[in-house]
Amino acid sequence: MKVHPIYFLWATPRSTSTAFEWMMRQRGDLACFHEPFGMAWYQGPEARAPRPAPPERQRPEATFEKIWDDIQEAAKKRPVFVKDMPHHTDHLWDDGFLSRITHSFLIRDPAKVLASLHRSYEKAGMGDGFEAHEIGFGPQQALFDLLRGQGQKPPVLDSDDLLENPDRMVRSYCDAIGIPFLRDALSWEPGARDDVLWYDGNDEIWHASLRDSDGLKPIPRKHVDPGDLPENLSRHYDVFMAHYRALHTHRLRPEVVTG
């Protein structure tokens, strides 16, 4: 029986990763999974999150083993694309798991991640209480370093490069993981995004920009001053930035992308 590739995009929260996933869904040639291990991490019986779901939102069927089995089963029928966070799976990083995956990474300036989290948490009435591990910069670098140590060179996309040059950067990404570039996938109709709802189902907070968008269109990059962040967020910035820079050095560079 033929087994198809399983492509993972490893991201941090608020890194434009769901917009990228939505673009991959428009292709029509991939079975796509939206943060499947996050469900187990937050809501499953083996939940590892510092703030697991309350009892009424727990999912007893969402075990890590069941989710991985579902992904592998889907890959028997067609190629699979998964967007998830490294910290949701860092206890699974053995050869049997990692060797089955074609890995890639999406990174974003931590000042922009933290600013976006602050806005979203305010809207959700959650405050800004989180643990650094929950944002995932450290686990993201740990996984990248682990793969590099095994001789792999997983492609790294930077969110600013992607938003500034979506056509070129998506083409470069597709070349890097070995799938055809489909320009039509960069455009879509505005509307509900039920396939990528966050675990609390609150599309109004987490995916409002994606819901209102009609594609990946060029957006000039903007600077976010970490000094403008609340102190309880800005204190994480230097540590997060060190992790970000470690991957940024290896990013796909727009100036060497050919059309």
Protein backbone atom coordinates (compact mmCIF):
# COMPACT_ATOMS: atom_id res chain seq x y z
CA MET A 1 0.00 0.00 0.00
CA LYS A 2 1.32 3.43 -0.95
CA VAL A 3 1.95 5.78 1.94
CA HIS A 4 1.86 9.49 1.16
CA PRO A 5 4.00 12.23 2.73
CA ILE A 6 3.01 13.92 5.97
CA TYR A 7 4.02 17.61 5.90
CA PHE A 8 4.17 19.45 9.23
CA LEU A 9 4.41 23.22 9.64
CA TRP A 10 5.71 23.91 13.14
CA ALA A 11 4.69 27.37 14.34
CA THR A 12 4.15 29.47 17.45
CA PRO A 13 0.79 31.03 18.32
CA ARG A 14 -0.16 34.24 16.47
CA SER A 15 2.39 33.75 13.69
CA THR A 16 0.00 33.95 10.68
CA SER A 17 0.14 30.16 10.63
CA THR A 18 -3.61 29.66 10.30
CA ALA A 19 -3.71 31.92 7.23
CA PHE A 20 -0.91 29.82 5.77
CA GLU A 21 -2.82 26.65 6.63
CA TRP A 22 -5.94 28.09 4.99
CA MET A 23 -3.93 28.67 1.83
CA MET A 24 -2.77 25.06 1.89
CA ARG A 25 -6.39 23.95 2.25
CA GLN A 26 -7.29 25.84 -0.93
CA ARG A 27 -4.97 23.61 -2.95
CA GLY A 28 -7.37 20.69 -2.80
CA ASP A 29 -4.64 18.04 -3.00
CA LEU A 30 -3.90 17.69 0.72
CA ALA A 31 -5.72 16.30 3.74
CA CYS A 32 -5.28 19.13 6.27
CA PHE A 33 -5.25 18.99 10.06
CA HIS A 34 -5.56 22.11 12.23
CA GLU A 35 -3.44 21.85 15.39
CA PRO A 36 -4.62 18.30 16.10
CA PHE A 37 -2.17 17.67 18.92
CA GLY A 38 -3.25 20.92 20.54
CA MET A 39 -6.61 19.32 21.22
CA ALA A 40 -4.90 16.53 23.15
CA TRP A 41 -2.58 19.02 24.87
CA TYR A 42 -5.46 21.23 26.08
CA GLN A 43 -8.55 19.02 26.15
CA GLY A 44 -7.54 15.36 26.12
CA PRO A 45 -7.23 12.88 28.98
CA GLU A 46 -3.43 13.28 28.85
CA ALA A 47 -3.57 17.10 28.81
CA ARG A 48 -0.18 18.71 29.38
CA ALA A 49 -1.15 22.39 29.17
CA PRO A 50 -0.56 24.65 32.18
CA ARG A 51 -4.19 25.73 31.72
CA PRO A 52 -6.04 22.59 30.58
CA ALA A 53 -9.65 22.80 29.48
CA PRO A 54 -12.39 22.86 32.14
CA PRO A 55 -14.36 19.62 32.55
CA GLU A 56 -17.20 20.68 30.26
CA ARG A 57 -14.78 21.13 27.35
CA GLN A 58 -12.63 18.05 27.85
CA ARG A 59 -12.39 15.50 25.04
CA PRO A 60 -11.77 11.99 26.41
CA GLU A 61 -11.23 10.62 22.90
CA ALA A 62 -8.42 13.10 22.13
CA THR A 63 -5.38 11.04 23.06
CA PHE A 64 -2.02 11.71 21.44
CA GLU A 65 -1.91 8.15 20.11
CA LYS A 66 -5.36 8.41 18.52
CA ILE A 67 -4.52 11.71 16.84
CA TRP A 68 -1.25 10.37 15.41
CA ASP A 69 -3.07 7.25 14.20
CA ASP A 70 -5.67 9.43 12.45
CA ILE A 71 -2.97 11.43 10.67
CA GLN A 72 -1.16 8.31 9.50
CA GLU A 73 -4.43 6.74 8.36
CA ALA A 74 -5.21 9.84 6.27
CA ALA A 75 -1.77 9.55 4.66
CA LYS A 76 -2.76 6.17 3.22
CA LYS A 77 -5.16 8.01 0.91
CA ARG A 78 -3.43 11.29 0.04
CA PRO A 79 -0.65 13.63 1.17
CA VAL A 80 -1.28 15.25 4.54
CA PHE A 81 -0.55 18.78 5.78
CA VAL A 82 -0.56 19.48 9.51
CA LYS A 83 -0.15 22.83 11.22
CA ASP A 84 0.72 22.53 14.89
CA MET A 85 2.95 23.84 17.68
CA PRO A 86 6.14 22.03 18.75
CA HIS A 87 5.29 22.29 22.45
CA HIS A 88 2.16 20.21 21.84
CA THR A 89 4.33 17.23 20.85
CA ASP A 90 7.72 17.58 22.54
CA HIS A 91 7.15 14.36 24.51
CA LEU A 92 6.68 12.46 21.22
CA TRP A 93 9.99 13.31 19.55
CA ASP A 94 11.37 9.86 18.93
CA ASP A 95 12.59 8.51 15.59
CA GLY A 96 9.33 6.72 14.88
CA PHE A 97 7.45 10.00 15.03
CA LEU A 98 9.93 12.48 13.58
CA SER A 99 11.16 10.30 10.72
CA ARG A 100 7.64 9.95 9.29
CA ILE A 101 7.30 13.72 8.86
CA THR A 102 8.55 16.26 6.31
CA HIS A 103 9.25 19.17 8.64
CA SER A 104 9.07 22.92 8.08
CA PHE A 105 8.88 25.94 10.37
CA LEU A 106 7.09 29.29 10.45
CA ILE A 107 8.60 31.96 12.69
CA ARG A 108 7.54 35.47 13.66
CA ASP A 109 9.14 38.39 15.50
CA PRO A 110 8.22 37.76 19.16
CA ALA A 111 7.23 41.41 19.67
CA LYS A 112 4.48 40.87 17.08
CA VAL A 113 3.48 37.53 18.58
CA LEU A 114 3.21 39.03 22.06
CA ALA A 115 1.31 42.10 20.85
CA SER A 116 -1.19 39.89 19.03
CA LEU A 117 -1.57 37.61 22.05
CA HIS A 118 -2.20 40.61 24.28
CA ARG A 119 -4.99 41.87 22.01
CA SER A 120 -6.56 38.43 21.72
CA TYR A 121 -6.36 37.67 25.43
CA GLU A 122 -7.94 41.03 26.24
CA LYS A 123 -10.87 40.28 23.93
CA ALA A 124 -11.26 36.81 25.44
CA GLY A 125 -11.10 38.13 29.00
CA MET A 126 -8.16 35.82 29.72
CA GLY A 127 -5.66 38.36 31.02
CA ASP A 128 -2.02 37.82 30.06
CA GLY A 129 -1.24 34.92 32.34
CA PHE A 130 0.73 32.30 30.45
CA GLU A 131 3.90 30.30 30.82
CA ALA A 132 6.75 30.82 28.37
CA HIS A 133 6.58 27.16 27.30
CA GLU A 134 2.96 27.73 26.26
CA ILE A 135 4.03 30.25 23.60
CA GLY A 136 6.47 27.77 22.17
CA PHE A 137 9.59 29.67 21.08
CA GLY A 138 11.86 27.42 23.13
CA PRO A 139 10.36 24.12 21.92
CA GLN A 140 10.38 25.44 18.36
CA GLN A 141 14.15 25.98 18.48
CA ALA A 142 14.65 22.69 20.33
CA LEU A 143 12.91 20.75 17.56
CA PHE A 144 14.74 22.66 14.84
CA ASP A 145 18.10 21.98 16.50
CA LEU A 146 17.21 18.30 16.96
CA LEU A 147 16.40 17.91 13.26
CA ARG A 148 19.52 19.80 12.21
CA GLY A 149 21.57 17.54 14.44
CA GLN A 150 20.17 14.60 12.48
CA GLY A 151 21.41 16.14 9.24
CA GLN A 152 18.08 17.57 8.11
CA LYS A 153 17.65 21.09 6.74
CA PRO A 154 13.98 21.88 7.29
CA PRO A 155 12.83 25.06 5.52
CA VAL A 156 12.02 28.07 7.67
CA LEU A 157 9.53 30.75 6.64
CA ASP A 158 9.48 34.13 8.36
CA SER A 159 6.03 35.68 8.75
CA ASP A 160 7.19 39.14 7.63
CA ASP A 161 8.75 37.71 4.46
CA LEU A 162 5.61 35.68 3.78
CA LEU A 163 3.26 38.64 4.17
CA GLU A 164 5.48 41.00 2.19
CA ASN A 165 6.12 38.54 -0.66
CA PRO A 166 3.41 35.84 -0.50
CA ASP A 167 3.71 34.66 -4.09
CA ARG A 168 7.48 34.30 -4.01
CA MET A 169 7.69 32.86 -0.50
CA VAL A 170 4.95 30.28 -0.99
CA ARG A 171 6.61 29.23 -4.24
CA SER A 172 9.92 28.87 -2.41
CA TYR A 173 8.26 26.89 0.38
CA CYS A 174 6.58 24.52 -2.06
CA ASP A 175 9.89 23.95 -3.83
CA ALA A 176 11.59 23.25 -0.51
CA ILE A 177 9.13 20.55 0.60
CA GLY A 178 8.66 19.10 -2.88
CA ILE A 179 5.08 19.99 -3.85
CA PRO A 180 3.87 22.00 -6.86
CA PHE A 181 3.22 25.71 -6.43
CA LEU A 182 -0.45 26.53 -7.06
CA ARG A 183 -0.94 30.29 -7.33
CA ASP A 184 -4.74 30.03 -7.20
CA ALA A 185 -4.48 28.77 -3.62
CA LEU A 186 -3.34 32.23 -2.50
CA SER A 187 -6.87 33.61 -3.00
CA TRP A 188 -10.18 32.66 -1.37
CA GLU A 189 -13.58 34.04 -0.47
CA PRO A 190 -14.16 35.77 2.89
CA GLY A 191 -16.33 33.85 5.31
CA ALA A 192 -16.50 31.48 8.24
CA ARG A 193 -13.50 29.25 8.86
CA ASP A 194 -15.12 26.38 10.72
CA ASP A 195 -12.34 23.97 9.72
CA VAL A 196 -9.81 25.92 11.78
CA LEU A 197 -11.73 26.91 14.90
CA TRP A 198 -9.68 27.17 18.06
CA TYR A 199 -10.60 24.85 20.92
CA ASP A 200 -13.03 27.28 22.52
CA GLY A 201 -14.71 27.78 19.15
CA ASN A 202 -14.36 31.57 19.37
CA ASP A 203 -13.74 32.53 15.76
CA GLU A 204 -14.50 36.17 16.54
CA ILE A 205 -11.35 36.46 18.63
CA TRP A 206 -8.75 34.12 17.20
CA HIS A 207 -9.50 34.09 13.49
CA ALA A 208 -11.36 37.32 12.77
CA SER A 209 -8.68 38.59 10.38
CA LEU A 210 -8.65 35.30 8.49
CA ARG A 211 -12.45 35.24 8.32
CA ASP A 212 -12.51 38.68 6.72
CA SER A 213 -9.59 38.07 4.35
CA ASP A 214 -9.69 37.08 0.69
CA GLY A 215 -6.18 35.72 0.32
CA LEU A 216 -2.50 36.15 1.01
CA LYS A 217 -1.84 39.62 -0.39
CA PRO A 218 1.37 41.66 -0.08
CA ILE A 219 1.45 43.64 3.18
CA PRO A 220 4.33 46.02 4.00
CA ARG A 221 6.12 44.98 7.17
CA LYS A 222 5.57 47.09 10.26
CA HIS A 223 7.75 47.50 13.32
CA VAL A 224 6.39 46.63 16.76
CA ASP A 225 8.37 48.11 19.64
CA PRO A 226 8.68 45.56 22.46
CA GLY A 227 8.94 48.49 24.83
CA ASP A 228 5.28 49.24 24.15
CA LEU A 229 4.20 45.85 25.49
CA PRO A 230 2.90 45.46 29.05
CA GLU A 231 5.70 44.54 31.45
CA ASN A 232 4.37 41.05 32.08
CA LEU A 233 4.77 40.38 28.34
CA SER A 234 7.89 42.39 27.52
CA ARG A 235 9.89 40.49 30.17
CA HIS A 236 9.71 37.43 27.89
CA TYR A 237 10.92 39.29 24.82
CA ASP A 238 14.70 38.83 25.08
CA VAL A 239 14.47 35.08 25.66
CA PHE A 240 11.95 34.62 22.86
CA MET A 241 14.03 36.77 20.52
CA ALA A 242 17.10 34.57 21.03
CA HIS A 243 15.09 31.51 19.96
CA TYR A 244 13.61 33.40 17.01
CA ARG A 245 17.01 34.58 15.77
CA ALA A 246 18.40 31.05 15.90
CA LEU A 247 15.86 30.00 13.25
CA HIS A 248 15.80 33.34 11.41
CA THR A 249 19.38 32.74 10.28
CA HIS A 250 18.17 29.70 8.31
CA ARG A 251 15.04 31.23 6.78
CA LEU A 252 14.12 31.06 3.11
CA ARG A 253 15.26 34.42 1.77
CA PRO A 254 13.04 36.37 -0.60
CA GLU A 255 15.94 37.91 -2.47
CA VAL A 256 17.10 34.52 -3.78
CA VAL A 257 13.65 33.27 -4.79
CA THR A 258 13.21 33.03 -8.55
CA GLY A 259 9.88 33.43 -10.31
